[in-house]
Amino acid sequence: MKNLPGVPGVHLEKDVDESTQMAIAETVFGIFVIRQEGAEPGDDPADVGIVLEGVEVMSELGNVAFAVVMLLGLVYALNLSYSQELKYTFEVLQKIIMELDANKLSNKAQVLKTLLSR
């Protein structure tokens, strides 16, 4: 059982309901955020992590922005392909937002870049 640091009495395995565990298990590529019951929108999450092929590969990342950066790093380090559903999302993050390999854009990403630069 994994205790969350700084959050007494919160255990991921017990406090995450079965439908959430199923959703994580069925996720190919994603970021999850777990909030304590009754948390306000501005409250820090109990956990933020990364799921690859249904397996929680990283947790306790602190915030979503850091999780996105770590996910991009994992994709690069593990030489993974972006899922088709998220292909353009990750292309925009990588090539427009982070300006990595920005000279090779798909037509859709180029149109968005043009619209954003106006």
N, C-alpha and C. Protein backbone atom coordinates (compact mmCIF):
# COMPACT_ATOMS: atom_id res chain seq x y z
N MET A 1 0.85 -1.17 0.00
CA MET A 1 0.00 0.00 0.00
C MET A 1 0.90 1.24 0.00
N LYS A 2 0.56 2.25 -0.81
CA LYS A 2 1.40 3.42 -0.96
C LYS A 2 0.78 4.61 -0.23
N ASN A 3 1.48 5.13 0.78
CA ASN A 3 1.02 6.34 1.47
C ASN A 3 1.46 7.55 0.69
N LEU A 4 0.60 8.55 0.60
CA LEU A 4 0.97 9.79 -0.03
C LEU A 4 1.65 10.68 0.98
N PRO A 5 2.83 11.24 0.66
CA PRO A 5 3.52 12.07 1.62
C PRO A 5 2.73 13.34 1.91
N GLY A 6 2.68 13.72 3.16
CA GLY A 6 2.01 14.95 3.55
C GLY A 6 0.49 14.86 3.57
N VAL A 7 -0.06 13.69 3.26
CA VAL A 7 -1.52 13.52 3.26
C VAL A 7 -1.83 12.32 4.14
N PRO A 8 -1.99 12.56 5.44
CA PRO A 8 -2.21 11.43 6.35
C PRO A 8 -3.50 10.68 6.03
N GLY A 9 -3.40 9.38 6.06
CA GLY A 9 -4.58 8.55 5.90
C GLY A 9 -5.03 8.34 4.46
N VAL A 10 -4.31 8.86 3.49
CA VAL A 10 -4.70 8.67 2.10
C VAL A 10 -3.83 7.57 1.50
N HIS A 11 -4.46 6.53 1.06
CA HIS A 11 -3.77 5.41 0.43
C HIS A 11 -4.38 5.24 -0.95
N LEU A 12 -3.53 5.28 -1.99
CA LEU A 12 -4.06 5.20 -3.35
C LEU A 12 -4.89 3.94 -3.58
N GLU A 13 -4.37 2.80 -3.18
CA GLU A 13 -5.08 1.57 -3.47
C GLU A 13 -6.46 1.52 -2.82
N LYS A 14 -6.63 2.10 -1.65
CA LYS A 14 -7.91 2.05 -0.96
C LYS A 14 -8.83 3.17 -1.38
N ASP A 15 -8.27 4.39 -1.57
CA ASP A 15 -9.11 5.55 -1.78
C ASP A 15 -9.51 5.77 -3.24
N VAL A 16 -8.86 5.13 -4.17
CA VAL A 16 -9.24 5.22 -5.57
C VAL A 16 -10.24 4.12 -5.84
N ASP A 17 -11.45 4.52 -6.28
CA ASP A 17 -12.50 3.52 -6.47
C ASP A 17 -12.19 2.61 -7.65
N GLU A 18 -12.95 1.54 -7.73
CA GLU A 18 -12.70 0.51 -8.74
C GLU A 18 -12.83 1.05 -10.16
N SER A 19 -13.78 1.95 -10.41
CA SER A 19 -13.95 2.49 -11.76
C SER A 19 -12.75 3.33 -12.17
N THR A 20 -12.15 4.03 -11.21
CA THR A 20 -10.94 4.81 -11.51
C THR A 20 -9.77 3.88 -11.81
N GLN A 21 -9.65 2.82 -11.03
CA GLN A 21 -8.58 1.85 -11.28
C GLN A 21 -8.75 1.21 -12.66
N MET A 22 -10.00 0.93 -13.04
CA MET A 22 -10.26 0.35 -14.37
C MET A 22 -9.90 1.34 -15.47
N ALA A 23 -10.24 2.61 -15.26
CA ALA A 23 -9.93 3.64 -16.26
C ALA A 23 -8.41 3.76 -16.44
N ILE A 24 -7.68 3.73 -15.34
CA ILE A 24 -6.22 3.79 -15.43
C ILE A 24 -5.69 2.56 -16.15
N ALA A 25 -6.23 1.39 -15.84
CA ALA A 25 -5.77 0.16 -16.48
C ALA A 25 -6.04 0.15 -17.98
N GLU A 26 -7.08 0.84 -18.42
CA GLU A 26 -7.43 0.88 -19.84
C GLU A 26 -6.77 2.04 -20.58
N THR A 27 -6.05 2.89 -19.87
CA THR A 27 -5.41 4.04 -20.49
C THR A 27 -4.09 3.63 -21.12
N VAL A 28 -3.92 3.98 -22.39
CA VAL A 28 -2.70 3.64 -23.10
C VAL A 28 -1.62 4.67 -22.79
N PHE A 29 -2.03 5.92 -22.68
CA PHE A 29 -1.08 7.01 -22.65
C PHE A 29 -1.75 8.16 -21.92
N GLY A 30 -1.35 8.51 -20.71
CA GLY A 30 -2.06 9.59 -20.06
C GLY A 30 -1.48 10.07 -18.76
N ILE A 31 -2.12 11.14 -18.26
CA ILE A 31 -1.79 11.74 -16.99
C ILE A 31 -3.02 11.63 -16.10
N PHE A 32 -2.83 11.25 -14.85
CA PHE A 32 -3.96 11.19 -13.95
C PHE A 32 -3.77 12.17 -12.80
N VAL A 33 -4.89 12.66 -12.29
CA VAL A 33 -4.89 13.56 -11.14
C VAL A 33 -5.87 12.99 -10.13
N ILE A 34 -5.43 12.79 -8.91
CA ILE A 34 -6.29 12.29 -7.85
C ILE A 34 -6.43 13.40 -6.82
N ARG A 35 -7.67 13.73 -6.54
CA ARG A 35 -7.96 14.76 -5.53
C ARG A 35 -8.64 14.10 -4.34
N GLN A 36 -8.43 14.68 -3.17
CA GLN A 36 -9.12 14.18 -1.99
C GLN A 36 -10.59 14.53 -2.11
N GLU A 37 -11.43 13.69 -1.54
CA GLU A 37 -12.86 13.95 -1.54
C GLU A 37 -13.14 15.27 -0.84
N GLY A 38 -13.94 16.11 -1.48
CA GLY A 38 -14.30 17.40 -0.92
C GLY A 38 -13.29 18.50 -1.20
N ALA A 39 -12.27 18.21 -1.99
CA ALA A 39 -11.24 19.21 -2.29
C ALA A 39 -11.83 20.32 -3.16
N GLU A 40 -11.36 21.52 -2.94
CA GLU A 40 -11.76 22.68 -3.74
C GLU A 40 -10.93 22.71 -5.02
N PRO A 41 -11.41 23.41 -6.06
CA PRO A 41 -10.65 23.46 -7.33
C PRO A 41 -9.23 23.98 -7.18
N GLY A 42 -8.97 24.90 -6.27
CA GLY A 42 -7.63 25.44 -6.10
C GLY A 42 -6.71 24.62 -5.22
N ASP A 43 -7.24 23.58 -4.57
CA ASP A 43 -6.44 22.74 -3.69
C ASP A 43 -5.45 21.90 -4.49
N ASP A 44 -4.32 21.63 -3.88
CA ASP A 44 -3.34 20.75 -4.51
C ASP A 44 -3.90 19.34 -4.60
N PRO A 45 -3.59 18.64 -5.70
CA PRO A 45 -4.07 17.25 -5.81
C PRO A 45 -3.34 16.34 -4.84
N ALA A 46 -3.98 15.24 -4.49
CA ALA A 46 -3.35 14.24 -3.64
C ALA A 46 -2.23 13.54 -4.41
N ASP A 47 -2.42 13.37 -5.71
CA ASP A 47 -1.40 12.72 -6.54
C ASP A 47 -1.59 13.12 -7.98
N VAL A 48 -0.50 13.23 -8.70
CA VAL A 48 -0.49 13.43 -10.14
C VAL A 48 0.52 12.44 -10.69
N GLY A 49 0.14 11.70 -11.71
CA GLY A 49 1.04 10.68 -12.24
C GLY A 49 0.85 10.42 -13.70
N ILE A 50 1.64 9.49 -14.20
CA ILE A 50 1.64 9.14 -15.62
C ILE A 50 1.32 7.66 -15.77
N VAL A 51 0.49 7.36 -16.75
CA VAL A 51 0.12 5.99 -17.08
C VAL A 51 0.57 5.70 -18.50
N LEU A 52 1.27 4.59 -18.69
CA LEU A 52 1.63 4.10 -20.01
C LEU A 52 1.18 2.65 -20.13
N GLU A 53 0.37 2.37 -21.11
CA GLU A 53 -0.15 1.03 -21.37
C GLU A 53 -0.77 0.41 -20.13
N GLY A 54 -1.57 1.20 -19.41
CA GLY A 54 -2.32 0.71 -18.26
C GLY A 54 -1.52 0.55 -16.99
N VAL A 55 -0.27 0.98 -17.00
CA VAL A 55 0.59 0.84 -15.83
C VAL A 55 1.00 2.22 -15.34
N GLU A 56 0.83 2.46 -14.05
CA GLU A 56 1.27 3.72 -13.45
C GLU A 56 2.80 3.69 -13.40
N VAL A 57 3.44 4.50 -14.24
CA VAL A 57 4.90 4.48 -14.31
C VAL A 57 5.54 5.57 -13.47
N MET A 58 4.81 6.63 -13.19
CA MET A 58 5.31 7.70 -12.33
C MET A 58 4.15 8.23 -11.50
N SER A 59 4.45 8.64 -10.29
CA SER A 59 3.42 9.24 -9.44
C SER A 59 4.07 10.31 -8.57
N GLU A 60 3.24 10.99 -7.80
CA GLU A 60 3.69 12.03 -6.89
C GLU A 60 4.49 13.12 -7.62
N LEU A 61 4.01 13.51 -8.81
CA LEU A 61 4.71 14.53 -9.60
C LEU A 61 4.37 15.95 -9.17
N GLY A 62 3.33 16.13 -8.40
CA GLY A 62 3.04 17.43 -7.83
C GLY A 62 2.05 18.29 -8.60
N ASN A 63 2.24 18.40 -9.92
CA ASN A 63 1.31 19.21 -10.71
C ASN A 63 1.27 18.70 -12.15
N VAL A 64 0.24 19.13 -12.86
CA VAL A 64 0.00 18.63 -14.22
C VAL A 64 1.07 19.13 -15.19
N ALA A 65 1.52 20.37 -15.04
CA ALA A 65 2.53 20.91 -15.95
C ALA A 65 3.80 20.06 -15.91
N PHE A 66 4.24 19.70 -14.71
CA PHE A 66 5.43 18.86 -14.58
C PHE A 66 5.17 17.47 -15.16
N ALA A 67 3.95 16.96 -14.96
CA ALA A 67 3.60 15.64 -15.49
C ALA A 67 3.64 15.64 -17.02
N VAL A 68 3.19 16.73 -17.65
CA VAL A 68 3.24 16.83 -19.12
C VAL A 68 4.68 16.79 -19.61
N VAL A 69 5.54 17.55 -18.95
CA VAL A 69 6.96 17.57 -19.33
C VAL A 69 7.58 16.18 -19.15
N MET A 70 7.27 15.54 -18.04
CA MET A 70 7.81 14.20 -17.80
C MET A 70 7.27 13.19 -18.81
N LEU A 71 5.99 13.32 -19.19
CA LEU A 71 5.41 12.43 -20.19
C LEU A 71 6.13 12.61 -21.53
N LEU A 72 6.37 13.85 -21.93
CA LEU A 72 7.12 14.08 -23.17
C LEU A 72 8.52 13.49 -23.08
N GLY A 73 9.15 13.62 -21.91
CA GLY A 73 10.48 13.03 -21.72
C GLY A 73 10.45 11.51 -21.81
N LEU A 74 9.43 10.90 -21.23
CA LEU A 74 9.29 9.44 -21.33
C LEU A 74 9.08 8.99 -22.76
N VAL A 75 8.24 9.72 -23.48
CA VAL A 75 7.99 9.38 -24.89
C VAL A 75 9.30 9.42 -25.66
N TYR A 76 10.09 10.46 -25.43
CA TYR A 76 11.37 10.59 -26.12
C TYR A 76 12.35 9.50 -25.68
N ALA A 77 12.51 9.32 -24.36
CA ALA A 77 13.50 8.38 -23.83
C ALA A 77 13.18 6.93 -24.20
N LEU A 78 11.88 6.61 -24.22
CA LEU A 78 11.47 5.23 -24.53
C LEU A 78 11.16 5.03 -26.01
N ASN A 79 11.33 6.10 -26.80
CA ASN A 79 11.09 6.06 -28.25
C ASN A 79 9.68 5.55 -28.57
N LEU A 80 8.70 6.11 -27.87
CA LEU A 80 7.30 5.73 -28.07
C LEU A 80 6.68 6.57 -29.18
N SER A 81 5.69 6.03 -29.83
CA SER A 81 4.92 6.79 -30.80
C SER A 81 3.71 7.39 -30.10
N TYR A 82 3.34 8.59 -30.54
CA TYR A 82 2.13 9.21 -29.99
C TYR A 82 0.92 8.41 -30.44
N SER A 83 -0.07 8.28 -29.55
CA SER A 83 -1.30 7.60 -29.95
C SER A 83 -1.99 8.44 -31.03
N GLN A 84 -2.73 7.79 -31.92
CA GLN A 84 -3.37 8.51 -33.02
C GLN A 84 -4.34 9.58 -32.53
N GLU A 85 -5.03 9.29 -31.42
CA GLU A 85 -6.00 10.25 -30.89
C GLU A 85 -5.33 11.52 -30.38
N LEU A 86 -4.09 11.41 -29.92
CA LEU A 86 -3.38 12.54 -29.34
C LEU A 86 -2.21 13.03 -30.19
N LYS A 87 -2.12 12.53 -31.40
CA LYS A 87 -0.98 12.84 -32.27
C LYS A 87 -0.77 14.35 -32.42
N TYR A 88 -1.82 15.07 -32.76
CA TYR A 88 -1.69 16.50 -33.01
C TYR A 88 -1.53 17.29 -31.72
N THR A 89 -2.12 16.82 -30.64
CA THR A 89 -1.96 17.48 -29.35
C THR A 89 -0.49 17.48 -28.94
N PHE A 90 0.14 16.32 -29.03
CA PHE A 90 1.54 16.22 -28.65
C PHE A 90 2.45 16.91 -29.66
N GLU A 91 2.07 16.91 -30.91
CA GLU A 91 2.86 17.64 -31.91
C GLU A 91 2.87 19.13 -31.59
N VAL A 92 1.71 19.68 -31.24
CA VAL A 92 1.63 21.11 -30.89
C VAL A 92 2.43 21.39 -29.62
N LEU A 93 2.31 20.54 -28.61
CA LEU A 93 3.09 20.73 -27.38
C LEU A 93 4.58 20.72 -27.67
N GLN A 94 5.01 19.74 -28.43
CA GLN A 94 6.43 19.56 -28.70
C GLN A 94 6.98 20.63 -29.64
N LYS A 95 6.29 20.87 -30.73
CA LYS A 95 6.88 21.70 -31.78
C LYS A 95 6.51 23.18 -31.71
N ILE A 96 5.34 23.50 -31.19
CA ILE A 96 4.94 24.91 -31.12
C ILE A 96 5.19 25.47 -29.73
N ILE A 97 4.68 24.80 -28.69
CA ILE A 97 4.82 25.31 -27.33
C ILE A 97 6.27 25.22 -26.86
N MET A 98 6.89 24.04 -27.01
CA MET A 98 8.25 23.85 -26.52
C MET A 98 9.31 24.19 -27.57
N GLU A 99 8.90 24.43 -28.80
CA GLU A 99 9.78 24.81 -29.90
C GLU A 99 10.89 23.79 -30.15
N LEU A 100 10.56 22.53 -30.09
CA LEU A 100 11.50 21.46 -30.41
C LEU A 100 11.18 20.93 -31.80
N ASP A 101 12.13 20.98 -32.70
CA ASP A 101 11.93 20.51 -34.07
C ASP A 101 10.77 21.25 -34.74
N ALA A 102 10.71 22.57 -34.51
CA ALA A 102 9.57 23.38 -34.94
C ALA A 102 9.49 23.60 -36.44
N ASN A 103 10.54 23.27 -37.17
CA ASN A 103 10.51 23.50 -38.62
C ASN A 103 9.82 22.38 -39.40
N LYS A 104 9.44 21.30 -38.73
CA LYS A 104 8.76 20.17 -39.38
C LYS A 104 7.37 20.02 -38.79
N LEU A 105 6.40 20.77 -39.31
CA LEU A 105 5.03 20.73 -38.79
C LEU A 105 4.09 20.07 -39.79
N SER A 106 3.11 19.35 -39.26
CA SER A 106 2.04 18.84 -40.12
C SER A 106 1.20 20.03 -40.57
N ASN A 107 0.36 19.83 -41.58
CA ASN A 107 -0.49 20.91 -42.07
C ASN A 107 -1.40 21.45 -40.97
N LYS A 108 -1.99 20.56 -40.17
CA LYS A 108 -2.89 21.00 -39.09
C LYS A 108 -2.15 21.83 -38.06
N ALA A 109 -0.97 21.40 -37.68
CA ALA A 109 -0.20 22.16 -36.70
C ALA A 109 0.27 23.49 -37.28
N GLN A 110 0.61 23.52 -38.56
CA GLN A 110 1.03 24.76 -39.19
C GLN A 110 -0.10 25.77 -39.24
N VAL A 111 -1.32 25.31 -39.53
CA VAL A 111 -2.48 26.20 -39.52
C VAL A 111 -2.69 26.78 -38.12
N LEU A 112 -2.59 25.96 -37.10
CA LEU A 112 -2.77 26.44 -35.72
C LEU A 112 -1.68 27.45 -35.38
N LYS A 113 -0.44 27.17 -35.75
CA LYS A 113 0.67 28.08 -35.47
C LYS A 113 0.41 29.43 -36.14
N THR A 114 -0.06 29.41 -37.37
CA THR A 114 -0.35 30.64 -38.09
C THR A 114 -1.46 31.42 -37.39
N LEU A 115 -2.51 30.73 -36.97
CA LEU A 115 -3.62 31.39 -36.26
C LEU A 115 -3.16 31.98 -34.92
N LEU A 116 -2.29 31.27 -34.21
CA LEU A 116 -1.79 31.73 -32.93
C LEU A 116 -0.86 32.93 -33.06
N SER A 117 -0.16 33.02 -34.19
CA SER A 117 0.80 34.12 -34.36
C SER A 117 0.16 35.42 -34.79
N ARG A 118 -1.12 35.41 -35.10
CA ARG A 118 -1.81 36.64 -35.52
C ARG A 118 -2.08 37.54 -34.37
